[in-house]
Protein backbone atom coordinates (compact mmCIF):
# COMPACT_ATOMS: atom_id res chain seq x y z
CA UNK A 1 68.67 -37.07 -21.94
CA UNK A 2 65.49 -36.87 -23.27
CA UNK A 3 65.00 -33.56 -24.83
CA UNK A 4 61.60 -33.87 -26.47
CA UNK A 5 59.17 -31.46 -25.15
CA UNK A 6 56.55 -33.34 -23.23
CA UNK A 7 53.16 -33.69 -25.11
CA UNK A 8 49.84 -32.38 -23.55
CA UNK A 9 46.51 -34.33 -25.11
CA UNK A 10 43.74 -31.77 -25.04
CA UNK A 11 39.82 -33.18 -24.78
CA UNK A 12 38.53 -35.02 -27.44
CA UNK A 13 34.99 -33.87 -28.63
CA UNK A 14 33.60 -37.03 -27.57
CA UNK A 15 34.73 -36.65 -24.12
CA UNK A 16 33.77 -32.61 -23.81
CA UNK A 17 30.24 -33.54 -24.64
CA UNK A 18 30.31 -36.10 -22.11
CA UNK A 19 31.24 -33.85 -19.57
CA UNK A 20 28.76 -31.25 -20.73
CA UNK A 21 26.19 -33.95 -20.67
CA UNK A 22 27.32 -34.93 -17.01
CA UNK A 23 27.18 -31.42 -15.61
CA UNK A 24 23.69 -30.99 -17.09
CA UNK A 25 22.33 -33.82 -15.47
CA UNK A 26 24.20 -32.90 -12.34
CA UNK A 27 21.99 -29.31 -12.45
CA UNK A 28 18.85 -31.03 -13.85
CA UNK A 29 19.10 -33.09 -10.43
CA UNK A 30 20.07 -30.42 -8.60
CA UNK A 31 17.77 -27.55 -9.65
CA UNK A 32 14.29 -28.98 -8.27
CA UNK A 33 15.98 -29.37 -4.91
CA UNK A 34 17.01 -25.74 -5.25
CA UNK A 35 13.46 -24.70 -6.18
CA UNK A 36 11.90 -26.97 -3.35
CA UNK A 37 14.65 -25.41 -0.54
CA UNK A 38 13.22 -21.95 -1.78
CA UNK A 39 9.63 -23.01 -1.46
CA UNK A 40 10.27 -24.55 1.93
CA UNK A 41 11.32 -21.17 3.09
CA UNK A 42 8.70 -19.33 1.45
CA UNK A 43 6.31 -21.51 3.33
CA UNK A 44 7.93 -20.97 6.75
CA UNK A 45 7.51 -16.98 5.93
CA UNK A 46 4.08 -17.51 5.03
CA UNK A 47 3.52 -19.62 8.06
CA UNK A 48 5.09 -16.77 10.31
CA UNK A 49 2.49 -14.44 8.71
CA UNK A 50 -0.46 -16.06 9.94
CA UNK A 51 0.92 -16.60 13.37
CA UNK A 52 1.76 -12.88 13.53
CA UNK A 53 -1.63 -12.42 12.37
CA UNK A 54 -2.92 -14.98 14.69
CA UNK A 55 -1.32 -13.69 17.91
CA UNK A 56 -3.00 -10.05 16.92
CA UNK A 57 -6.43 -11.75 16.91
CA UNK A 58 -5.42 -13.38 20.39
CA UNK A 59 -4.00 -10.00 21.99
CA UNK A 60 -7.33 -7.89 20.45
CA UNK A 61 -8.96 -10.76 22.61
CA UNK A 62 -7.45 -10.34 25.53
CA UNK A 63 -8.14 -6.50 25.53
CA UNK A 64 -11.72 -6.12 24.34
CA UNK A 65 -13.19 -9.71 25.64
CA UNK A 66 -14.24 -9.95 21.70
CA UNK A 67 -12.68 -11.27 18.53
CA UNK A 68 -12.53 -8.75 16.18
CA UNK A 69 -15.35 -7.95 13.62
CA UNK A 70 -14.84 -9.48 9.79
CA UNK A 71 -15.64 -5.73 8.92
CA UNK A 72 -17.65 -2.65 10.20
CA UNK A 73 -19.64 -1.12 7.57
CA UNK A 74 -19.37 2.68 8.03
CA UNK A 75 -22.01 4.53 5.36
CA UNK A 76 -20.45 7.71 3.54
CA UNK A 77 -22.37 10.39 2.12
CA UNK A 78 -26.20 10.11 1.53
CA UNK A 79 -27.61 6.70 1.11
CA UNK A 80 -30.36 7.62 -1.72
CA UNK A 81 -29.48 5.32 -5.03
CA UNK A 82 -26.92 3.29 -3.26
CA UNK A 83 -24.55 3.29 -0.19
CA UNK A 84 -20.71 3.88 -0.57
CA UNK A 85 -20.37 1.31 2.17
CA UNK A 86 -16.82 2.12 3.49
CA UNK A 87 -15.20 -0.86 5.74
CA UNK A 88 -12.83 -1.17 8.35
CA UNK A 89 -11.75 -4.91 8.16
CA UNK A 90 -10.33 -7.27 10.52
CA UNK A 91 -7.10 -6.96 9.30
CA UNK A 92 -6.89 -3.40 10.06
CA UNK A 93 -8.33 -3.51 13.79
CA UNK A 94 -5.29 -5.90 14.87
CA UNK A 95 -2.71 -3.67 13.87
CA UNK A 96 -2.25 -2.01 17.09
CA UNK A 97 -1.84 -5.83 18.38
CA UNK A 98 0.46 -6.81 15.59
CA UNK A 99 3.42 -4.20 16.03
CA UNK A 100 1.61 -1.89 13.71
CA UNK A 101 0.37 0.50 16.38
CA UNK A 102 1.67 3.98 14.49
CA UNK A 103 0.58 2.54 11.39
CA UNK A 104 -3.45 2.28 13.00
CA UNK A 105 -2.60 5.91 14.85
CA UNK A 106 -2.51 7.05 10.98
CA UNK A 107 -6.18 5.84 10.66
CA UNK A 108 -8.95 9.29 10.71
CA UNK A 109 -12.21 9.03 11.28
CA UNK A 110 -12.48 5.75 12.13
CA UNK A 111 -16.09 4.76 13.66
CA UNK A 112 -17.69 8.07 12.27
CA UNK A 113 -18.17 7.45 8.49
CA UNK A 114 -14.97 6.95 7.33
CA UNK A 115 -13.41 8.52 4.18
CA UNK A 116 -10.35 6.25 3.26
CA UNK A 117 -9.47 9.05 0.62
CA UNK A 118 -8.71 11.77 2.36
CA UNK A 119 -5.81 12.75 5.33
CA UNK A 120 -3.53 9.70 6.17
CA UNK A 121 -5.74 7.59 4.98
CA UNK A 122 -4.88 6.49 1.59
CA UNK A 123 -0.88 6.30 3.04
CA UNK A 124 -2.58 3.75 5.50
CA UNK A 125 -3.95 1.45 2.69
CA UNK A 126 -1.43 2.06 0.14
CA UNK A 127 1.19 0.54 3.00
CA UNK A 128 2.19 -2.50 1.63
CA UNK A 129 2.77 -4.70 5.14
CA UNK A 130 4.65 -7.97 4.71
CA UNK A 131 2.64 -9.86 7.25
CA UNK A 132 -0.46 -9.68 4.57
CA UNK A 133 1.60 -10.65 1.69
CA UNK A 134 2.77 -14.40 0.96
CA UNK A 135 6.05 -14.54 -0.66
CA UNK A 136 4.93 -17.38 -2.79
CA UNK A 137 2.36 -15.16 -5.06
CA UNK A 138 3.78 -13.20 -7.34
CA UNK A 139 1.30 -10.32 -7.65
CA UNK A 140 2.05 -9.16 -4.21
CA UNK A 141 5.38 -7.72 -5.76
CA UNK A 142 4.19 -7.40 -9.15
CA UNK A 143 0.88 -5.51 -8.78
CA UNK A 144 -1.16 -2.84 -7.27
CA UNK A 145 -5.03 -2.25 -7.69
CA UNK A 146 -7.40 0.47 -7.33
CA UNK A 147 -10.14 0.92 -4.77
CA UNK A 148 -12.80 3.26 -5.64
CA UNK A 149 -16.63 3.80 -5.33
CA UNK A 150 -18.42 6.56 -7.35
CA UNK A 151 -22.02 6.27 -6.30
CA UNK A 152 -23.24 8.42 -4.61
CA UNK A 153 -19.66 9.80 -3.23
CA UNK A 154 -16.77 9.65 -5.52
CA UNK A 155 -13.80 7.78 -3.45
CA UNK A 156 -10.85 6.60 -5.07
CA UNK A 157 -7.32 5.10 -3.34
CA UNK A 158 -4.78 4.06 -6.34
CA UNK A 159 -1.65 1.57 -5.51
CA UNK A 160 -3.48 -0.55 -3.28
CA UNK A 161 -1.34 -3.99 -2.58
CA UNK A 162 -2.32 -7.51 -2.96
CA UNK A 163 -3.71 -9.30 0.49
CA UNK A 164 -2.71 -12.73 0.37
CA UNK A 165 -4.88 -13.92 3.60
CA UNK A 166 -8.31 -13.59 4.31
CA UNK A 167 -11.08 -14.44 7.42
CA UNK A 168 -13.32 -17.45 7.35
CA UNK A 169 -16.90 -15.97 7.37
CA UNK A 170 -18.81 -19.59 6.30
CA UNK A 171 -18.55 -23.16 6.03
CA UNK A 172 -21.92 -23.14 4.21
CA UNK A 173 -21.47 -21.22 1.14
CA UNK A 174 -20.35 -23.35 -1.78
CA UNK A 175 -20.84 -26.80 0.13
CA UNK A 176 -24.52 -26.54 1.02
CA UNK A 177 -25.26 -23.41 -1.54
CA UNK A 178 -23.52 -23.69 -4.64
CA UNK A 179 -25.88 -21.06 -6.40
CA UNK A 180 -25.32 -18.42 -3.44
CA UNK A 181 -23.72 -14.84 -4.54
CA UNK A 182 -20.47 -15.94 -3.67
CA UNK A 183 -19.02 -12.65 -4.29
CA UNK A 184 -21.19 -11.38 -1.49
CA UNK A 185 -20.77 -13.36 1.51
CA UNK A 186 -22.34 -10.30 3.62
CA UNK A 187 -25.80 -11.40 4.63
CA UNK A 188 -27.22 -12.64 7.77
CA UNK A 189 -26.20 -11.71 11.57
CA UNK A 190 -24.87 -14.08 14.24
CA UNK A 191 -28.56 -15.91 13.79
CA UNK A 192 -28.09 -16.36 10.48
CA UNK A 193 -27.47 -20.00 8.96
CA UNK A 194 -25.06 -18.71 5.93
CA UNK A 195 -22.49 -16.93 7.85
CA UNK A 196 -21.54 -19.48 10.45
CA UNK A 197 -17.83 -18.78 10.30
CA UNK A 198 -15.97 -16.65 13.32
CA UNK A 199 -16.02 -13.43 11.47
CA UNK A 200 -19.00 -11.24 10.86
CA UNK A 201 -20.31 -8.15 9.37
CA UNK A 202 -20.89 -5.88 12.20
CA UNK A 203 -20.71 -8.33 14.81
CA UNK A 204 -18.01 -9.06 17.29
CA UNK A 205 -17.58 -12.84 18.47
CA UNK A 206 -17.17 -13.77 21.84
CA UNK A 207 -14.59 -16.71 22.44
CA UNK A 208 -17.96 -18.66 23.78
CA UNK A 209 -19.51 -18.26 20.50
CA UNK A 210 -16.97 -20.39 19.32
CA UNK A 211 -18.73 -23.90 20.79
CA UNK A 212 -16.70 -26.03 18.46
CA UNK A 213 -13.63 -25.03 20.22
CA UNK A 214 -10.94 -22.86 19.15
CA UNK A 215 -8.50 -25.77 18.24
CA UNK A 216 -11.22 -27.05 15.89
CA UNK A 217 -11.83 -23.89 14.25
CA UNK A 218 -10.39 -22.25 11.06
CA UNK A 219 -10.17 -18.43 11.75
CA UNK A 220 -7.87 -17.39 8.68
CA UNK A 221 -6.33 -18.63 5.34
CA UNK A 222 -4.47 -17.82 2.10
CA UNK A 223 -6.08 -16.45 -0.96
CA UNK A 224 -4.58 -16.39 -4.38
CA UNK A 225 -5.26 -14.71 -7.41
CA UNK A 226 -6.85 -17.52 -10.27
CA UNK A 227 -3.76 -17.97 -13.17
CA UNK A 228 -6.60 -17.33 -15.45
CA UNK A 229 -8.13 -14.46 -13.81
CA UNK A 230 -5.88 -11.86 -12.99
CA UNK A 231 -7.45 -8.51 -13.83
CA UNK A 232 -10.64 -8.71 -11.53
CA UNK A 233 -11.13 -9.42 -8.42
CA UNK A 234 -8.74 -8.41 -5.70
CA UNK A 235 -8.12 -9.04 -2.47
CA UNK A 236 -7.56 -6.42 0.48
CA UNK A 237 -6.53 -5.31 3.91
CA UNK A 238 -7.05 -3.04 6.34
CA UNK A 239 -9.85 -1.22 4.75
CA UNK A 240 -11.78 -0.73 1.66
CA UNK A 241 -13.43 1.98 0.12
CA UNK A 242 -16.49 0.53 -0.78
CA UNK A 243 -17.48 -2.96 0.09
CA UNK A 244 -21.03 -3.07 -0.70
CA UNK A 245 -21.62 -7.24 -2.34
CA UNK A 246 -17.90 -7.39 -1.94
CA UNK A 247 -17.36 -9.08 1.21
CA UNK A 248 -15.33 -11.73 -0.15
CA UNK A 249 -12.50 -9.56 -1.15
CA UNK A 250 -11.49 -9.96 2.87
CA UNK A 251 -13.30 -13.06 3.85
CA UNK A 252 -13.66 -16.21 2.75
CA UNK A 253 -15.84 -19.98 2.77
CA UNK A 254 -14.30 -23.34 3.74
CA UNK A 255 -17.64 -24.43 1.76
CA UNK A 256 -15.83 -23.56 -1.14
CA UNK A 257 -12.70 -26.29 -2.26
CA UNK A 258 -9.08 -25.12 -1.95
CA UNK A 259 -7.52 -23.61 -5.00
CA UNK A 260 -11.08 -23.97 -6.98
CA UNK A 261 -10.68 -23.98 -10.74
CA UNK A 262 -13.69 -21.67 -10.84
CA UNK A 263 -12.36 -17.75 -12.28
CA UNK A 264 -15.86 -16.61 -11.30
CA UNK A 265 -17.26 -15.59 -8.05
CA UNK A 266 -17.15 -18.76 -6.47
CA UNK A 267 -13.32 -19.52 -6.81
CA UNK A 268 -12.83 -16.03 -5.76
CA UNK A 269 -14.79 -16.52 -2.38
CA UNK A 270 -12.79 -19.68 -1.37
CA UNK A 271 -9.28 -19.90 -0.48
CA UNK A 272 -6.11 -21.30 -1.73
CA UNK A 273 -2.43 -20.19 -2.62
CA UNK A 274 0.22 -20.96 -4.91
CA UNK A 275 2.11 -23.01 -2.88
CA UNK A 276 2.27 -26.45 -4.57
CA UNK A 277 -0.86 -29.03 -3.68
CA UNK A 278 -2.48 -27.05 -1.03
CA UNK A 279 -2.85 -23.53 1.51
CA UNK A 280 -1.59 -22.42 5.04
CA UNK A 281 -4.66 -21.92 7.41
CA UNK A 282 -4.28 -20.66 11.02
CA UNK A 283 -6.86 -22.18 13.83
CA UNK A 284 -8.32 -20.15 16.40
CA UNK A 285 -5.94 -21.30 19.11
CA UNK A 286 -2.96 -19.79 17.59
CA UNK A 287 -1.62 -23.03 15.63
CA UNK A 288 -1.15 -23.26 11.81
CA UNK A 289 -1.67 -26.00 9.30
CA UNK A 290 -0.98 -26.71 5.76
CA UNK A 291 -4.40 -27.97 4.15
CA UNK A 292 -4.29 -30.39 1.08
CA UNK A 293 -6.32 -29.24 -1.75
CA UNK A 294 -7.58 -32.85 -1.83
CA UNK A 295 -9.00 -32.71 1.79
CA UNK A 296 -12.48 -34.28 1.97
CA UNK A 297 -15.09 -31.25 1.57
CA UNK A 298 -16.90 -32.02 4.27
CA UNK A 299 -14.51 -31.83 6.68
CA UNK A 300 -12.90 -28.83 5.18
CA UNK A 301 -16.13 -27.17 5.74
CA UNK A 302 -16.43 -28.29 9.21
CA UNK A 303 -13.29 -26.43 10.40
CA UNK A 304 -14.81 -23.32 9.10
CA UNK A 305 -17.76 -23.56 11.20
CA UNK A 306 -17.98 -21.80 14.40
CA UNK A 307 -20.74 -23.97 16.16
CA UNK A 308 -21.65 -27.11 14.00
CA UNK A 309 -20.68 -29.51 16.57
CA UNK A 310 -19.15 -31.83 13.66
CA UNK A 311 -17.24 -34.58 14.88
CA UNK A 312 -14.14 -34.50 12.32
CA UNK A 313 -10.54 -33.87 12.31
CA UNK A 314 -8.15 -32.59 9.67
CA UNK A 315 -5.21 -35.01 8.47
CA UNK A 316 -1.85 -34.61 9.29
């Protein structure tokens, strides 16, 4: 009988290195798949956010017979020396129609020269709503901003969350008029040629004004903070303390390329996202579409206009 103890051979250094290398290769192959799955989930949530907003727009229209205004300007205080233009935005008007009636009820003074810095109004503006926050945009969780105006009335609301979405106000600015003050987007009413989108200042449009058709007109789109300009140009929802000359905080132009590389007012007034290679948009018929940043400029512009009579079609 053999009484010799069995000898168990250990891994050699070479074998150990081979195993480590194989594990490393497997992790390297798996990681992009995991990241892609996470991004797909974030994009799905972003799509749901836009669908919720579109449903709010449709319910608003069903109730009042018009789409909400892009913004309503409510002057506060003495206008001599420069206005303090408090605004209620499209995203505020649809709150009761997007399961946010309780939050909407906290807004005090809407329609009467609203002051966002008093009563329960700051609580409203500083409430983070997932509906207006794309999960692929890190700034919606990492940063807040201060909305303020000092001339002629001192108004300020701190710790405001970022918005990731905006309404389409123009397809003209950028594509046909690149020298226009893009951060403003606040000139012309329904008869103007520059603001040819569906959400205007102090003007509520009927569905009949959207003669291009609801399924051929972009109403909402994603916004992003430019990676090289993260300290200014904040995007807002519900309302703003003073929107004078800064309407691009809540609306944009499809005349500006998606994910513009411009870090100034041109890129600020456009649409874009942190999703790879494009952004999510909502059409007025309630559908959503991911549009590539390489989309033809004329086609993208045409889908932002309400009555341009363009014969174009977005690629699938």
